[in-house]
Amino acid sequence: MKSLLLAMVVIGSLVVATAMTRTTAIDISGTWVFSVDLDSGGHGDPTFVFKQDKDALTGTYDGPLGKYDVTGSIKDNKATFGFEFTNDDVKHKVSYEGTLESATKMSGTMEISDGPKGKWTATKK
């Protein structure tokens, strides 16, 4: 009876540990170098610095549009983040959506409100 109880506890612990591992997102905190190709033909190589706190992302963007604070979220292997900037007294929002391929690589799409869309890849430094 003790053996059966011990086996059930061990199996239960393994099931819980496996479930927790599957739902825990990769921590993307750190510096990422992006390569962005706009559908309109433009290209940029911005740098993002992320700080991840559970599912919340904060950080900075430094690239062709200037330097801005970034906010977003991450769930499982999906990241959504962006920032706002003003050009000629018009406020624009830049939105990025991506998939984490590993702890050091991700890719996805981006869009500037009332502006171009594009695709990007990123590598963690």
PDB file of N, CA and C in Angstrom:
ATOM      1  N   MET A   1       0.814  -1.190   0.000  1.00  0.00           N
ATOM      2  CA  MET A   1       0.000   0.000   0.000  1.00  0.00           C
ATOM      3  C   MET A   1       0.861   1.259   0.000  1.00  0.00           C
ATOM      4  N   LYS A   2       1.950   1.252   0.811  1.00  0.00           N
ATOM      5  CA  LYS A   2       2.861   2.392   0.833  1.00  0.00           C
ATOM      6  C   LYS A   2       3.494   2.604  -0.532  1.00  0.00           C
ATOM      7  N   SER A   3       3.840   1.528  -1.212  1.00  0.00           N
ATOM      8  CA  SER A   3       4.463   1.624  -2.538  1.00  0.00           C
ATOM      9  C   SER A   3       3.509   2.247  -3.536  1.00  0.00           C
ATOM     10  N   LEU A   4       2.250   1.875  -3.464  1.00  0.00           N
ATOM     11  CA  LEU A   4       1.254   2.428  -4.378  1.00  0.00           C
ATOM     12  C   LEU A   4       1.061   3.918  -4.114  1.00  0.00           C
ATOM     13  N   LEU A   5       0.986   4.292  -2.852  1.00  0.00           N
ATOM     14  CA  LEU A   5       0.829   5.700  -2.494  1.00  0.00           C
ATOM     15  C   LEU A   5       2.041   6.505  -2.950  1.00  0.00           C
ATOM     16  N   LEU A   6       3.240   5.996  -2.716  1.00  0.00           N
ATOM     17  CA  LEU A   6       4.464   6.683  -3.142  1.00  0.00           C
ATOM     18  C   LEU A   6       4.501   6.832  -4.662  1.00  0.00           C
ATOM     19  N   ALA A   7       4.128   5.793  -5.387  1.00  0.00           N
ATOM     20  CA  ALA A   7       4.102   5.857  -6.846  1.00  0.00           C
ATOM     21  C   ALA A   7       3.113   6.904  -7.334  1.00  0.00           C
ATOM     22  N   MET A   8       1.956   6.996  -6.692  1.00  0.00           N
ATOM     23  CA  MET A   8       0.952   7.986  -7.085  1.00  0.00           C
ATOM     24  C   MET A   8       1.459   9.406  -6.833  1.00  0.00           C
ATOM     25  N   VAL A   9       2.159   9.624  -5.725  1.00  0.00           N
ATOM     26  CA  VAL A   9       2.710  10.955  -5.420  1.00  0.00           C
ATOM     27  C   VAL A   9       3.771  11.328  -6.448  1.00  0.00           C
ATOM     28  N   VAL A  10       4.652  10.408  -6.777  1.00  0.00           N
ATOM     29  CA  VAL A  10       5.710  10.674  -7.758  1.00  0.00           C
ATOM     30  C   VAL A  10       5.097  10.971  -9.122  1.00  0.00           C
ATOM     31  N   ILE A  11       4.140  10.172  -9.557  1.00  0.00           N
ATOM     32  CA  ILE A  11       3.496  10.392 -10.858  1.00  0.00           C
ATOM     33  C   ILE A  11       2.770  11.731 -10.859  1.00  0.00           C
ATOM     34  N   GLY A  12       2.064  12.042  -9.783  1.00  0.00           N
ATOM     35  CA  GLY A  12       1.362  13.326  -9.686  1.00  0.00           C
ATOM     36  C   GLY A  12       2.326  14.494  -9.762  1.00  0.00           C
ATOM     37  N   SER A  13       3.463  14.396  -9.109  1.00  0.00           N
ATOM     38  CA  SER A  13       4.474  15.456  -9.153  1.00  0.00           C
ATOM     39  C   SER A  13       5.020  15.642 -10.559  1.00  0.00           C
ATOM     40  N   LEU A  14       5.260  14.538 -11.255  1.00  0.00           N
ATOM     41  CA  LEU A  14       5.756  14.627 -12.628  1.00  0.00           C
ATOM     42  C   LEU A  14       4.729  15.273 -13.547  1.00  0.00           C
ATOM     43  N   VAL A  15       3.464  14.948 -13.380  1.00  0.00           N
ATOM     44  CA  VAL A  15       2.409  15.532 -14.211  1.00  0.00           C
ATOM     45  C   VAL A  15       2.335  17.038 -13.977  1.00  0.00           C
ATOM     46  N   VAL A  16       2.383  17.468 -12.721  1.00  0.00           N
ATOM     47  CA  VAL A  16       2.339  18.898 -12.396  1.00  0.00           C
ATOM     48  C   VAL A  16       3.568  19.610 -12.949  1.00  0.00           C
ATOM     49  N   ALA A  17       4.746  19.032 -12.787  1.00  0.00           N
ATOM     50  CA  ALA A  17       5.973  19.653 -13.297  1.00  0.00           C
ATOM     51  C   ALA A  17       5.944  19.768 -14.813  1.00  0.00           C
ATOM     52  N   THR A  18       5.456  18.749 -15.492  1.00  0.00           N
ATOM     53  CA  THR A  18       5.361  18.790 -16.955  1.00  0.00           C
ATOM     54  C   THR A  18       4.372  19.859 -17.398  1.00  0.00           C
ATOM     55  N   ALA A  19       3.239  19.951 -16.750  1.00  0.00           N
ATOM     56  CA  ALA A  19       2.242  20.962 -17.110  1.00  0.00           C
ATOM     57  C   ALA A  19       2.787  22.360 -16.885  1.00  0.00           C
ATOM     58  N   MET A  20       3.519  22.579 -15.810  1.00  0.00           N
ATOM     59  CA  MET A  20       4.093  23.898 -15.525  1.00  0.00           C
ATOM     60  C   MET A  20       5.148  24.255 -16.565  1.00  0.00           C
ATOM     61  N   THR A  21       5.927  23.308 -16.994  1.00  0.00           N
ATOM     62  CA  THR A  21       6.958  23.562 -17.986  1.00  0.00           C
ATOM     63  C   THR A  21       6.333  23.976 -19.308  1.00  0.00           C
ATOM     64  N   ARG A  22       5.258  23.367 -19.695  1.00  0.00           N
ATOM     65  CA  ARG A  22       4.615  23.672 -20.973  1.00  0.00           C
ATOM     66  C   ARG A  22       3.999  25.065 -20.993  1.00  0.00           C
ATOM     67  N   THR A  23       3.508  25.538 -19.842  1.00  0.00           N
ATOM     68  CA  THR A  23       2.825  26.825 -19.838  1.00  0.00           C
ATOM     69  C   THR A  23       3.748  27.977 -19.458  1.00  0.00           C
ATOM     70  N   THR A  24       4.960  27.706 -19.044  1.00  0.00           N
ATOM     71  CA  THR A  24       5.889  28.760 -18.687  1.00  0.00           C
ATOM     72  C   THR A  24       6.515  29.329 -19.952  1.00  0.00           C
ATOM     73  N   ALA A  25       6.384  30.621 -20.129  1.00  0.00           N
ATOM     74  CA  ALA A  25       6.922  31.274 -21.326  1.00  0.00           C
ATOM     75  C   ALA A  25       8.433  31.421 -21.220  1.00  0.00           C
ATOM     76  N   ILE A  26       9.068  31.507 -22.363  1.00  0.00           N
ATOM     77  CA  ILE A  26      10.485  31.808 -22.422  1.00  0.00           C
ATOM     78  C   ILE A  26      10.667  33.247 -21.952  1.00  0.00           C
ATOM     79  N   ASP A  27      11.642  33.492 -21.122  1.00  0.00           N
ATOM     80  CA  ASP A  27      11.924  34.862 -20.667  1.00  0.00           C
ATOM     81  C   ASP A  27      12.759  35.554 -21.737  1.00  0.00           C
ATOM     82  N   ILE A  28      12.195  36.592 -22.356  1.00  0.00           N
ATOM     83  CA  ILE A  28      12.897  37.282 -23.442  1.00  0.00           C
ATOM     84  C   ILE A  28      13.636  38.530 -22.955  1.00  0.00           C
ATOM     85  N   SER A  29      13.755  38.686 -21.643  1.00  0.00           N
ATOM     86  CA  SER A  29      14.476  39.843 -21.113  1.00  0.00           C
ATOM     87  C   SER A  29      15.864  39.929 -21.734  1.00  0.00           C
ATOM     88  N   GLY A  30      16.262  41.158 -22.102  1.00  0.00           N
ATOM     89  CA  GLY A  30      17.572  41.370 -22.690  1.00  0.00           C
ATOM     90  C   GLY A  30      17.492  42.179 -23.970  1.00  0.00           C
ATOM     91  N   THR A  31      18.607  42.223 -24.674  1.00  0.00           N
ATOM     92  CA  THR A  31      18.747  43.025 -25.888  1.00  0.00           C
ATOM     93  C   THR A  31      18.533  42.158 -27.123  1.00  0.00           C
ATOM     94  N   TRP A  32      17.673  42.642 -28.023  1.00  0.00           N
ATOM     95  CA  TRP A  32      17.350  41.939 -29.260  1.00  0.00           C
ATOM     96  C   TRP A  32      17.622  42.843 -30.451  1.00  0.00           C
ATOM     97  N   VAL A  33      18.272  42.298 -31.464  1.00  0.00           N
ATOM     98  CA  VAL A  33      18.526  43.023 -32.708  1.00  0.00           C
ATOM     99  C   VAL A  33      17.520  42.528 -33.744  1.00  0.00           C
ATOM    100  N   PHE A  34      16.736  43.460 -34.279  1.00  0.00           N
ATOM    101  CA  PHE A  34      15.685  43.146 -35.239  1.00  0.00           C
ATOM    102  C   PHE A  34      16.139  43.473 -36.656  1.00  0.00           C
ATOM    103  N   SER A  35      15.573  42.761 -37.611  1.00  0.00           N
ATOM    104  CA  SER A  35      15.706  43.074 -39.029  1.00  0.00           C
ATOM    105  C   SER A  35      14.285  43.166 -39.566  1.00  0.00           C
ATOM    106  N   VAL A  36      13.868  44.384 -39.932  1.00  0.00           N
ATOM    107  CA  VAL A  36      12.486  44.639 -40.349  1.00  0.00           C
ATOM    108  C   VAL A  36      12.457  44.989 -41.831  1.00  0.00           C
ATOM    109  N   ASP A  37      11.661  44.245 -42.587  1.00  0.00           N
ATOM    110  CA  ASP A  37      11.449  44.514 -44.009  1.00  0.00           C
ATOM    111  C   ASP A  37      10.006  44.948 -44.206  1.00  0.00           C
ATOM    112  N   LEU A  38       9.826  46.198 -44.635  1.00  0.00           N
ATOM    113  CA  LEU A  38       8.490  46.726 -44.876  1.00  0.00           C
ATOM    114  C   LEU A  38       7.974  46.265 -46.229  1.00  0.00           C
ATOM    115  N   ASP A  39       6.662  46.069 -46.307  1.00  0.00           N
ATOM    116  CA  ASP A  39       6.040  45.677 -47.572  1.00  0.00           C
ATOM    117  C   ASP A  39       6.279  46.733 -48.651  1.00  0.00           C
ATOM    118  N   SER A  40       6.485  47.985 -48.223  1.00  0.00           N
ATOM    119  CA  SER A  40       6.703  49.091 -49.165  1.00  0.00           C
ATOM    120  C   SER A  40       8.144  49.147 -49.684  1.00  0.00           C
ATOM    121  N   GLY A  41       8.996  48.254 -49.173  1.00  0.00           N
ATOM    122  CA  GLY A  41      10.372  48.208 -49.655  1.00  0.00           C
ATOM    123  C   GLY A  41      11.394  48.757 -48.678  1.00  0.00           C
ATOM    124  N   GLY A  42      10.972  49.427 -47.639  1.00  0.00           N
ATOM    125  CA  GLY A  42      11.906  49.968 -46.653  1.00  0.00           C
ATOM    126  C   GLY A  42      12.478  48.880 -45.763  1.00  0.00           C
ATOM    127  N   HIS A  43      13.590  49.205 -45.096  1.00  0.00           N
ATOM    128  CA  HIS A  43      14.253  48.256 -44.210  1.00  0.00           C
ATOM    129  C   HIS A  43      14.820  49.006 -43.011  1.00  0.00           C
ATOM    130  N   GLY A  44      14.800  48.366 -41.850  1.00  0.00           N
ATOM    131  CA  GLY A  44      15.409  48.939 -40.657  1.00  0.00           C
ATOM    132  C   GLY A  44      15.923  47.846 -39.744  1.00  0.00           C
ATOM    133  N   ASP A  45      16.895  48.194 -38.908  1.00  0.00           N
ATOM    134  CA  ASP A  45      17.497  47.259 -37.963  1.00  0.00           C
ATOM    135  C   ASP A  45      17.446  47.830 -36.544  1.00  0.00           C
ATOM    136  N   PRO A  46      16.239  47.961 -35.973  1.00  0.00           N
ATOM    137  CA  PRO A  46      16.141  48.526 -34.634  1.00  0.00           C
ATOM    138  C   PRO A  46      16.620  47.550 -33.562  1.00  0.00           C
ATOM    139  N   THR A  47      16.910  48.100 -32.399  1.00  0.00           N
ATOM    140  CA  THR A  47      17.264  47.307 -31.224  1.00  0.00           C
ATOM    141  C   THR A  47      16.167  47.478 -30.183  1.00  0.00           C
ATOM    142  N   PHE A  48      15.697  46.378 -29.657  1.00  0.00           N
ATOM    143  CA  PHE A  48      14.748  46.383 -28.548  1.00  0.00           C
ATOM    144  C   PHE A  48      15.456  45.846 -27.313  1.00  0.00           C
ATOM    145  N   VAL A  49      15.203  46.476 -26.172  1.00  0.00           N
ATOM    146  CA  VAL A  49      15.661  45.954 -24.887  1.00  0.00           C
ATOM    147  C   VAL A  49      14.398  45.656 -24.090  1.00  0.00           C
ATOM    148  N   PHE A  50      14.186  44.378 -23.763  1.00  0.00           N
ATOM    149  CA  PHE A  50      12.977  43.950 -23.070  1.00  0.00           C
ATOM    150  C   PHE A  50      13.269  43.602 -21.618  1.00  0.00           C
ATOM    151  N   LYS A  51      12.269  43.857 -20.775  1.00  0.00           N
ATOM    152  CA  LYS A  51      12.256  43.349 -19.411  1.00  0.00           C
ATOM    153  C   LYS A  51      10.932  42.623 -19.265  1.00  0.00           C
ATOM    154  N   GLN A  52      11.000  41.349 -18.935  1.00  0.00           N
ATOM    155  CA  GLN A  52       9.794  40.542 -18.794  1.00  0.00           C
ATOM    156  C   GLN A  52       9.508  40.289 -17.331  1.00  0.00           C
ATOM    157  N   ASP A  53       8.265  40.532 -16.925  1.00  0.00           N
ATOM    158  CA  ASP A  53       7.795  40.229 -15.571  1.00  0.00           C
ATOM    159  C   ASP A  53       6.532  39.397 -15.728  1.00  0.00           C
ATOM    160  N   LYS A  54       6.671  38.092 -15.605  1.00  0.00           N
ATOM    161  CA  LYS A  54       5.597  37.132 -15.876  1.00  0.00           C
ATOM    162  C   LYS A  54       5.148  37.301 -17.322  1.00  0.00           C
ATOM    163  N   ASP A  55       3.899  37.718 -17.553  1.00  0.00           N
ATOM    164  CA  ASP A  55       3.395  37.887 -18.917  1.00  0.00           C
ATOM    165  C   ASP A  55       3.567  39.306 -19.447  1.00  0.00           C
ATOM    166  N   ALA A  56       4.033  40.236 -18.613  1.00  0.00           N
ATOM    167  CA  ALA A  56       4.142  41.649 -19.006  1.00  0.00           C
ATOM    168  C   ALA A  56       5.525  41.959 -19.558  1.00  0.00           C
ATOM    169  N   LEU A  57       5.543  42.756 -20.637  1.00  0.00           N
ATOM    170  CA  LEU A  57       6.791  43.217 -21.236  1.00  0.00           C
ATOM    171  C   LEU A  57       6.874  44.733 -21.132  1.00  0.00           C
ATOM    172  N   THR A  58       8.045  45.231 -20.790  1.00  0.00           N
ATOM    173  CA  THR A  58       8.363  46.651 -20.883  1.00  0.00           C
ATOM    174  C   THR A  58       9.748  46.734 -21.501  1.00  0.00           C
ATOM    175  N   GLY A  59      10.130  47.936 -21.919  1.00  0.00           N
ATOM    176  CA  GLY A  59      11.461  48.081 -22.478  1.00  0.00           C
ATOM    177  C   GLY A  59      11.576  49.306 -23.350  1.00  0.00           C
ATOM    178  N   THR A  60      12.542  49.242 -24.273  1.00  0.00           N
ATOM    179  CA  THR A  60      12.798  50.371 -25.163  1.00  0.00           C
ATOM    180  C   THR A  60      13.009  49.900 -26.593  1.00  0.00           C
ATOM    181  N   TYR A  61      12.684  50.788 -27.509  1.00  0.00           N
ATOM    182  CA  TYR A  61      12.954  50.638 -28.932  1.00  0.00           C
ATOM    183  C   TYR A  61      13.962  51.725 -29.284  1.00  0.00           C
ATOM    184  N   ASP A  62      14.984  51.382 -30.045  1.00  0.00           N
ATOM    185  CA  ASP A  62      15.953  52.357 -30.537  1.00  0.00           C
ATOM    186  C   ASP A  62      16.218  52.006 -31.993  1.00  0.00           C
ATOM    187  N   GLY A  63      15.704  52.854 -32.903  1.00  0.00           N
ATOM    188  CA  GLY A  63      15.830  52.535 -34.314  1.00  0.00           C
ATOM    189  C   GLY A  63      15.551  53.728 -35.202  1.00  0.00           C
ATOM    190  N   PRO A  64      15.200  53.466 -36.458  1.00  0.00           N
ATOM    191  CA  PRO A  64      15.003  54.536 -37.434  1.00  0.00           C
ATOM    192  C   PRO A  64      13.950  55.571 -37.032  1.00  0.00           C
ATOM    193  N   LEU A  65      12.994  55.196 -36.190  1.00  0.00           N
ATOM    194  CA  LEU A  65      11.949  56.139 -35.783  1.00  0.00           C
ATOM    195  C   LEU A  65      12.330  56.955 -34.553  1.00  0.00           C
ATOM    196  N   GLY A  66      13.442  56.617 -33.911  1.00  0.00           N
ATOM    197  CA  GLY A  66      13.873  57.310 -32.698  1.00  0.00           C
ATOM    198  C   GLY A  66      14.008  56.326 -31.551  1.00  0.00           C
ATOM    199  N   LYS A  67      13.855  56.831 -30.331  1.00  0.00           N
ATOM    200  CA  LYS A  67      13.942  55.992 -29.145  1.00  0.00           C
ATOM    201  C   LYS A  67      12.645  56.150 -28.357  1.00  0.00           C
ATOM    202  N   TYR A  68      11.982  55.003 -28.045  1.00  0.00           N
ATOM    203  CA  TYR A  68      10.672  55.036 -27.409  1.00  0.00           C
ATOM    204  C   TYR A  68      10.534  53.921 -26.378  1.00  0.00           C
ATOM    205  N   ASP A  69       9.648  54.148 -25.415  1.00  0.00           N
ATOM    206  CA  ASP A  69       9.308  53.119 -24.436  1.00  0.00           C
ATOM    207  C   ASP A  69       8.363  52.113 -25.068  1.00  0.00           C
ATOM    208  N   VAL A  70       8.554  50.857 -24.726  1.00  0.00           N
ATOM    209  CA  VAL A  70       7.790  49.752 -25.291  1.00  0.00           C
ATOM    210  C   VAL A  70       6.993  49.071 -24.177  1.00  0.00           C
ATOM    211  N   THR A  71       5.763  48.667 -24.502  1.00  0.00           N
ATOM    212  CA  THR A  71       4.969  47.839 -23.599  1.00  0.00           C
ATOM    213  C   THR A  71       4.386  46.693 -24.392  1.00  0.00           C
ATOM    214  N   GLY A  72       4.046  45.623 -23.691  1.00  0.00           N
ATOM    215  CA  GLY A  72       3.455  44.488 -24.373  1.00  0.00           C
ATOM    216  C   GLY A  72       3.209  43.332 -23.440  1.00  0.00           C
ATOM    217  N   SER A  73       2.998  42.171 -24.047  1.00  0.00           N
ATOM    218  CA  SER A  73       2.745  40.969 -23.266  1.00  0.00           C
ATOM    219  C   SER A  73       3.288  39.753 -24.007  1.00  0.00           C
ATOM    220  N   ILE A  74       3.433  38.681 -23.233  1.00  0.00           N
ATOM    221  CA  ILE A  74       3.904  37.423 -23.803  1.00  0.00           C
ATOM    222  C   ILE A  74       3.122  36.300 -23.155  1.00  0.00           C
ATOM    223  N   LYS A  75       2.672  35.380 -23.980  1.00  0.00           N
ATOM    224  CA  LYS A  75       1.950  34.221 -23.473  1.00  0.00           C
ATOM    225  C   LYS A  75       2.405  33.019 -24.273  1.00  0.00           C
ATOM    226  N   ASP A  76       2.860  32.019 -23.536  1.00  0.00           N
ATOM    227  CA  ASP A  76       3.443  30.834 -24.160  1.00  0.00           C
ATOM    228  C   ASP A  76       4.554  31.281 -25.110  1.00  0.00           C
ATOM    229  N   ASN A  77       4.434  31.028 -26.400  1.00  0.00           N
ATOM    230  CA  ASN A  77       5.494  31.424 -27.329  1.00  0.00           C
ATOM    231  C   ASN A  77       5.062  32.586 -28.234  1.00  0.00           C
ATOM    232  N   LYS A  78       4.038  33.340 -27.834  1.00  0.00           N
ATOM    233  CA  LYS A  78       3.545  34.477 -28.615  1.00  0.00           C
ATOM    234  C   LYS A  78       3.829  35.787 -27.880  1.00  0.00           C
ATOM    235  N   ALA A  79       4.422  36.724 -28.588  1.00  0.00           N
ATOM    236  CA  ALA A  79       4.729  38.038 -28.015  1.00  0.00           C
ATOM    237  C   ALA A  79       3.999  39.120 -28.803  1.00  0.00           C
ATOM    238  N   THR A  80       3.456  40.092 -28.085  1.00  0.00           N
ATOM    239  CA  THR A  80       2.798  41.253 -28.678  1.00  0.00           C
ATOM    240  C   THR A  80       3.340  42.481 -27.960  1.00  0.00           C
ATOM    241  N   PHE A  81       3.845  43.449 -28.710  1.00  0.00           N
ATOM    242  CA  PHE A  81       4.425  44.636 -28.085  1.00  0.00           C
ATOM    243  C   PHE A  81       4.417  45.789 -29.069  1.00  0.00           C
ATOM    244  N   GLY A  82       4.673  46.988 -28.576  1.00  0.00           N
ATOM    245  CA  GLY A  82       4.693  48.140 -29.455  1.00  0.00           C
ATOM    246  C   GLY A  82       4.959  49.429 -28.719  1.00  0.00           C
ATOM    247  N   PHE A  83       4.832  50.522 -29.454  1.00  0.00           N
ATOM    248  CA  PHE A  83       5.089  51.851 -28.903  1.00  0.00           C
ATOM    249  C   PHE A  83       4.362  52.876 -29.751  1.00  0.00           C
ATOM    250  N   GLU A  84       4.290  54.091 -29.243  1.00  0.00           N
ATOM    251  CA  GLU A  84       3.687  55.201 -29.981  1.00  0.00           C
ATOM    252  C   GLU A  84       4.744  56.247 -30.266  1.00  0.00           C
ATOM    253  N   PHE A  85       4.597  56.927 -31.403  1.00  0.00           N
ATOM    254  CA  PHE A  85       5.485  58.032 -31.737  1.00  0.00           C
ATOM    255  C   PHE A  85       4.686  59.103 -32.459  1.00  0.00           C
ATOM    256  N   THR A  86       5.208  60.309 -32.475  1.00  0.00           N
ATOM    257  CA  THR A  86       4.544  61.423 -33.134  1.00  0.00           C
ATOM    258  C   THR A  86       5.409  61.901 -34.288  1.00  0.00           C
ATOM    259  N   ASN A  87       4.761  62.106 -35.448  1.00  0.00           N
ATOM    260  CA  ASN A  87       5.441  62.606 -36.635  1.00  0.00           C
ATOM    261  C   ASN A  87       4.553  63.675 -37.257  1.00  0.00           C
ATOM    262  N   ASP A  88       5.080  64.887 -37.432  1.00  0.00           N
ATOM    263  CA  ASP A  88       4.299  66.002 -37.980  1.00  0.00           C
ATOM    264  C   ASP A  88       2.997  66.203 -37.202  1.00  0.00           C
ATOM    265  N   ASP A  89       3.115  66.180 -35.875  1.00  0.00           N
ATOM    266  CA  ASP A  89       1.975  66.380 -34.960  1.00  0.00           C
ATOM    267  C   ASP A  89       0.894  65.307 -35.077  1.00  0.00           C
ATOM    268  N   VAL A  90       1.201  64.172 -35.702  1.00  0.00           N
ATOM    269  CA  VAL A  90       0.254  63.060 -35.801  1.00  0.00           C
ATOM    270  C   VAL A  90       0.813  61.887 -35.004  1.00  0.00           C
ATOM    271  N   LYS A  91      -0.003  61.349 -34.081  1.00  0.00           N
ATOM    272  CA  LYS A  91       0.428  60.217 -33.253  1.00  0.00           C
ATOM    273  C   LYS A  91       0.207  58.912 -34.020  1.00  0.00           C
ATOM    274  N   HIS A  92       1.219  58.056 -34.012  1.00  0.00           N
ATOM    275  CA  HIS A  92       1.160  56.759 -34.676  1.00  0.00           C
ATOM    276  C   HIS A  92       1.449  55.674 -33.656  1.00  0.00           C
ATOM    277  N   LYS A  93       0.883  54.503 -33.892  1.00  0.00           N
ATOM    278  CA  LYS A  93       1.143  53.347 -33.042  1.00  0.00           C
ATOM    279  C   LYS A  93       1.834  52.279 -33.875  1.00  0.00           C
ATOM    280  N   VAL A  94       2.916  51.738 -33.340  1.00  0.00           N
ATOM    281  CA  VAL A  94       3.638  50.652 -33.995  1.00  0.00           C
ATOM    282  C   VAL A  94       3.356  49.381 -33.207  1.00  0.00           C
ATOM    283  N   SER A  95       2.846  48.355 -33.885  1.00  0.00           N
ATOM    284  CA  SER A  95       2.484  47.092 -33.237  1.00  0.00           C
ATOM    285  C   SER A  95       3.285  45.948 -33.837  1.00  0.00           C
ATOM    286  N   TYR A  96       3.847  45.133 -32.956  1.00  0.00           N
ATOM    287  CA  TYR A  96       4.602  43.945 -33.354  1.00  0.00           C
ATOM    288  C   TYR A  96       3.910  42.714 -32.771  1.00  0.00           C
ATOM    289  N   GLU A  97       3.802  41.671 -33.571  1.00  0.00           N
ATOM    290  CA  GLU A  97       3.322  40.370 -33.109  1.00  0.00           C
ATOM    291  C   GLU A  97       4.315  39.332 -33.590  1.00  0.00           C
ATOM    292  N   GLY A  98       4.670  38.410 -32.699  1.00  0.00           N
ATOM    293  CA  GLY A  98       5.658  37.425 -33.113  1.00  0.00           C
ATOM    294  C   GLY A  98       5.568  36.118 -32.377  1.00  0.00           C
ATOM    295  N   THR A  99       6.328  35.169 -32.883  1.00  0.00           N
ATOM    296  CA  THR A  99       6.425  33.838 -32.306  1.00  0.00           C
ATOM    297  C   THR A  99       7.859  33.597 -31.876  1.00  0.00           C
ATOM    298  N   LEU A 100       8.017  33.131 -30.651  1.00  0.00           N
ATOM    299  CA  LEU A 100       9.342  32.768 -30.150  1.00  0.00           C
ATOM    300  C   LEU A 100       9.698  31.399 -30.691  1.00  0.00           C
ATOM    301  N   GLU A 101      10.787  31.349 -31.438  1.00  0.00           N
ATOM    302  CA  GLU A 101      11.236  30.084 -32.002  1.00  0.00           C
ATOM    303  C   GLU A 101      12.176  29.370 -31.043  1.00  0.00           C
ATOM    304  N   SER A 102      12.861  30.156 -30.212  1.00  0.00           N
ATOM    305  CA  SER A 102      13.760  29.631 -29.183  1.00  0.00           C
ATOM    306  C   SER A 102      14.014  30.765 -28.203  1.00  0.00           C
ATOM    307  N   ALA A 103      14.903  30.539 -27.246  1.00  0.00           N
ATOM    308  CA  ALA A 103      15.223  31.585 -26.270  1.00  0.00           C
ATOM    309  C   ALA A 103      16.011  32.733 -26.893  1.00  0.00           C
ATOM    310  N   THR A 104      16.518  32.537 -28.120  1.00  0.00           N
ATOM    311  CA  THR A 104      17.340  33.568 -28.759  1.00  0.00           C
ATOM    312  C   THR A 104      16.870  33.970 -30.146  1.00  0.00           C
ATOM    313  N   LYS A 105      15.696  33.495 -30.571  1.00  0.00           N
ATOM    314  CA  LYS A 105      15.234  33.809 -31.921  1.00  0.00           C
ATOM    315  C   LYS A 105      13.712  33.927 -31.940  1.00  0.00           C
ATOM    316  N   MET A 106      13.226  34.973 -32.638  1.00  0.00           N
ATOM    317  CA  MET A 106      11.789  35.134 -32.848  1.00  0.00           C
ATOM    318  C   MET A 106      11.552  35.846 -34.166  1.00  0.00           C
ATOM    319  N   SER A 107      10.307  35.756 -34.657  1.00  0.00           N
ATOM    320  CA  SER A 107       9.957  36.405 -35.914  1.00  0.00           C
ATOM    321  C   SER A 107       8.466  36.696 -35.915  1.00  0.00           C
ATOM    322  N   GLY A 108       8.071  37.619 -36.811  1.00  0.00           N
ATOM    323  CA  GLY A 108       6.657  37.945 -36.868  1.00  0.00           C
ATOM    324  C   GLY A 108       6.350  39.060 -37.842  1.00  0.00           C
ATOM    325  N   THR A 109       5.273  39.784 -37.545  1.00  0.00           N
ATOM    326  CA  THR A 109       4.814  40.871 -38.387  1.00  0.00           C
ATOM    327  C   THR A 109       4.721  42.147 -37.569  1.00  0.00           C
ATOM    328  N   MET A 110       4.734  43.280 -38.288  1.00  0.00           N
ATOM    329  CA  MET A 110       4.576  44.574 -37.623  1.00  0.00           C
ATOM    330  C   MET A 110       3.709  45.465 -38.491  1.00  0.00           C
ATOM    331  N   GLU A 111       3.165  46.499 -37.836  1.00  0.00           N
ATOM    332  CA  GLU A 111       2.295  47.429 -38.547  1.00  0.00           C
ATOM    333  C   GLU A 111       2.375  48.795 -37.874  1.00  0.00           C
ATOM    334  N   ILE A 112       2.445  49.834 -38.693  1.00  0.00           N
ATOM    335  CA  ILE A 112       2.368  51.204 -38.204  1.00  0.00           C
ATOM    336  C   ILE A 112       0.978  51.712 -38.547  1.00  0.00           C
ATOM    337  N   SER A 113       0.263  52.226 -37.547  1.00  0.00           N
ATOM    338  CA  SER A 113      -1.091  52.725 -37.820  1.00  0.00           C
ATOM    339  C   SER A 113      -1.031  53.760 -38.932  1.00  0.00           C
ATOM    340  N   ASP A 114      -1.958  53.667 -39.856  1.00  0.00           N
ATOM    341  CA  ASP A 114      -2.001  54.568 -41.015  1.00  0.00           C
ATOM    342  C   ASP A 114      -0.693  54.550 -41.797  1.00  0.00           C
ATOM    343  N   GLY A 115       0.007  53.428 -41.779  1.00  0.00           N
ATOM    344  CA  GLY A 115       1.291  53.356 -42.464  1.00  0.00           C
ATOM    345  C   GLY A 115       1.602  51.952 -42.937  1.00  0.00           C
ATOM    346  N   PRO A 116       2.879  51.693 -43.154  1.00  0.00           N
ATOM    347  CA  PRO A 116       3.280  50.412 -43.741  1.00  0.00           C
ATOM    348  C   PRO A 116       3.182  49.235 -42.769  1.00  0.00           C
ATOM    349  N   LYS A 117       3.181  48.069 -43.360  1.00  0.00           N
ATOM    350  CA  LYS A 117       3.232  46.795 -42.634  1.00  0.00           C
ATOM    351  C   LYS A 117       4.531  46.117 -43.053  1.00  0.00           C
ATOM    352  N   GLY A 118       4.927  45.118 -42.274  1.00  0.00           N
ATOM    353  CA  GLY A 118       6.129  44.412 -42.648  1.00  0.00           C
ATOM    354  C   GLY A 118       6.316  43.121 -41.873  1.00  0.00           C
ATOM    355  N   LYS A 119       7.445  42.479 -42.143  1.00  0.00           N
ATOM    356  CA  LYS A 119       7.842  41.249 -41.481  1.00  0.00           C
ATOM    357  C   LYS A 119       9.179  41.472 -40.806  1.00  0.00           C
ATOM    358  N   TRP A 120       9.430  40.736 -39.726  1.00  0.00           N
ATOM    359  CA  TRP A 120      10.681  40.907 -39.003  1.00  0.00           C
ATOM    360  C   TRP A 120      11.190  39.586 -38.453  1.00  0.00           C
ATOM    361  N   THR A 121      12.508  39.588 -38.253  1.00  0.00           N
ATOM    362  CA  THR A 121      13.168  38.509 -37.510  1.00  0.00           C
ATOM    363  C   THR A 121      14.021  39.189 -36.448  1.00  0.00           C
ATOM    364  N   ALA A 122      14.289  38.477 -35.365  1.00  0.00           N
ATOM    365  CA  ALA A 122      15.087  39.065 -34.287  1.00  0.00           C
ATOM    366  C   ALA A 122      15.957  38.001 -33.639  1.00  0.00           C
ATOM    367  N   THR A 123      17.135  38.446 -33.208  1.00  0.00           N
ATOM    368  CA  THR A 123      18.082  37.582 -32.523  1.00  0.00           C
ATOM    369  C   THR A 123      18.510  38.255 -31.233  1.00  0.00           C
ATOM    370  N   LYS A 124      18.539  37.471 -30.158  1.00  0.00           N
ATOM    371  CA  LYS A 124      18.959  38.005 -28.872  1.00  0.00           C
ATOM    372  C   LYS A 124      20.471  38.080 -28.819  1.00  0.00           C
ATOM    373  N   LYS A 125      20.971  39.231 -28.335  1.00  0.00           N
ATOM    374  CA  LYS A 125      22.426  39.408 -28.200  1.00  0.00           C
ATOM    375  C   LYS A 125      22.963  38.606 -27.046  1.00  0.00           C
TER     376      LYS A 125
END
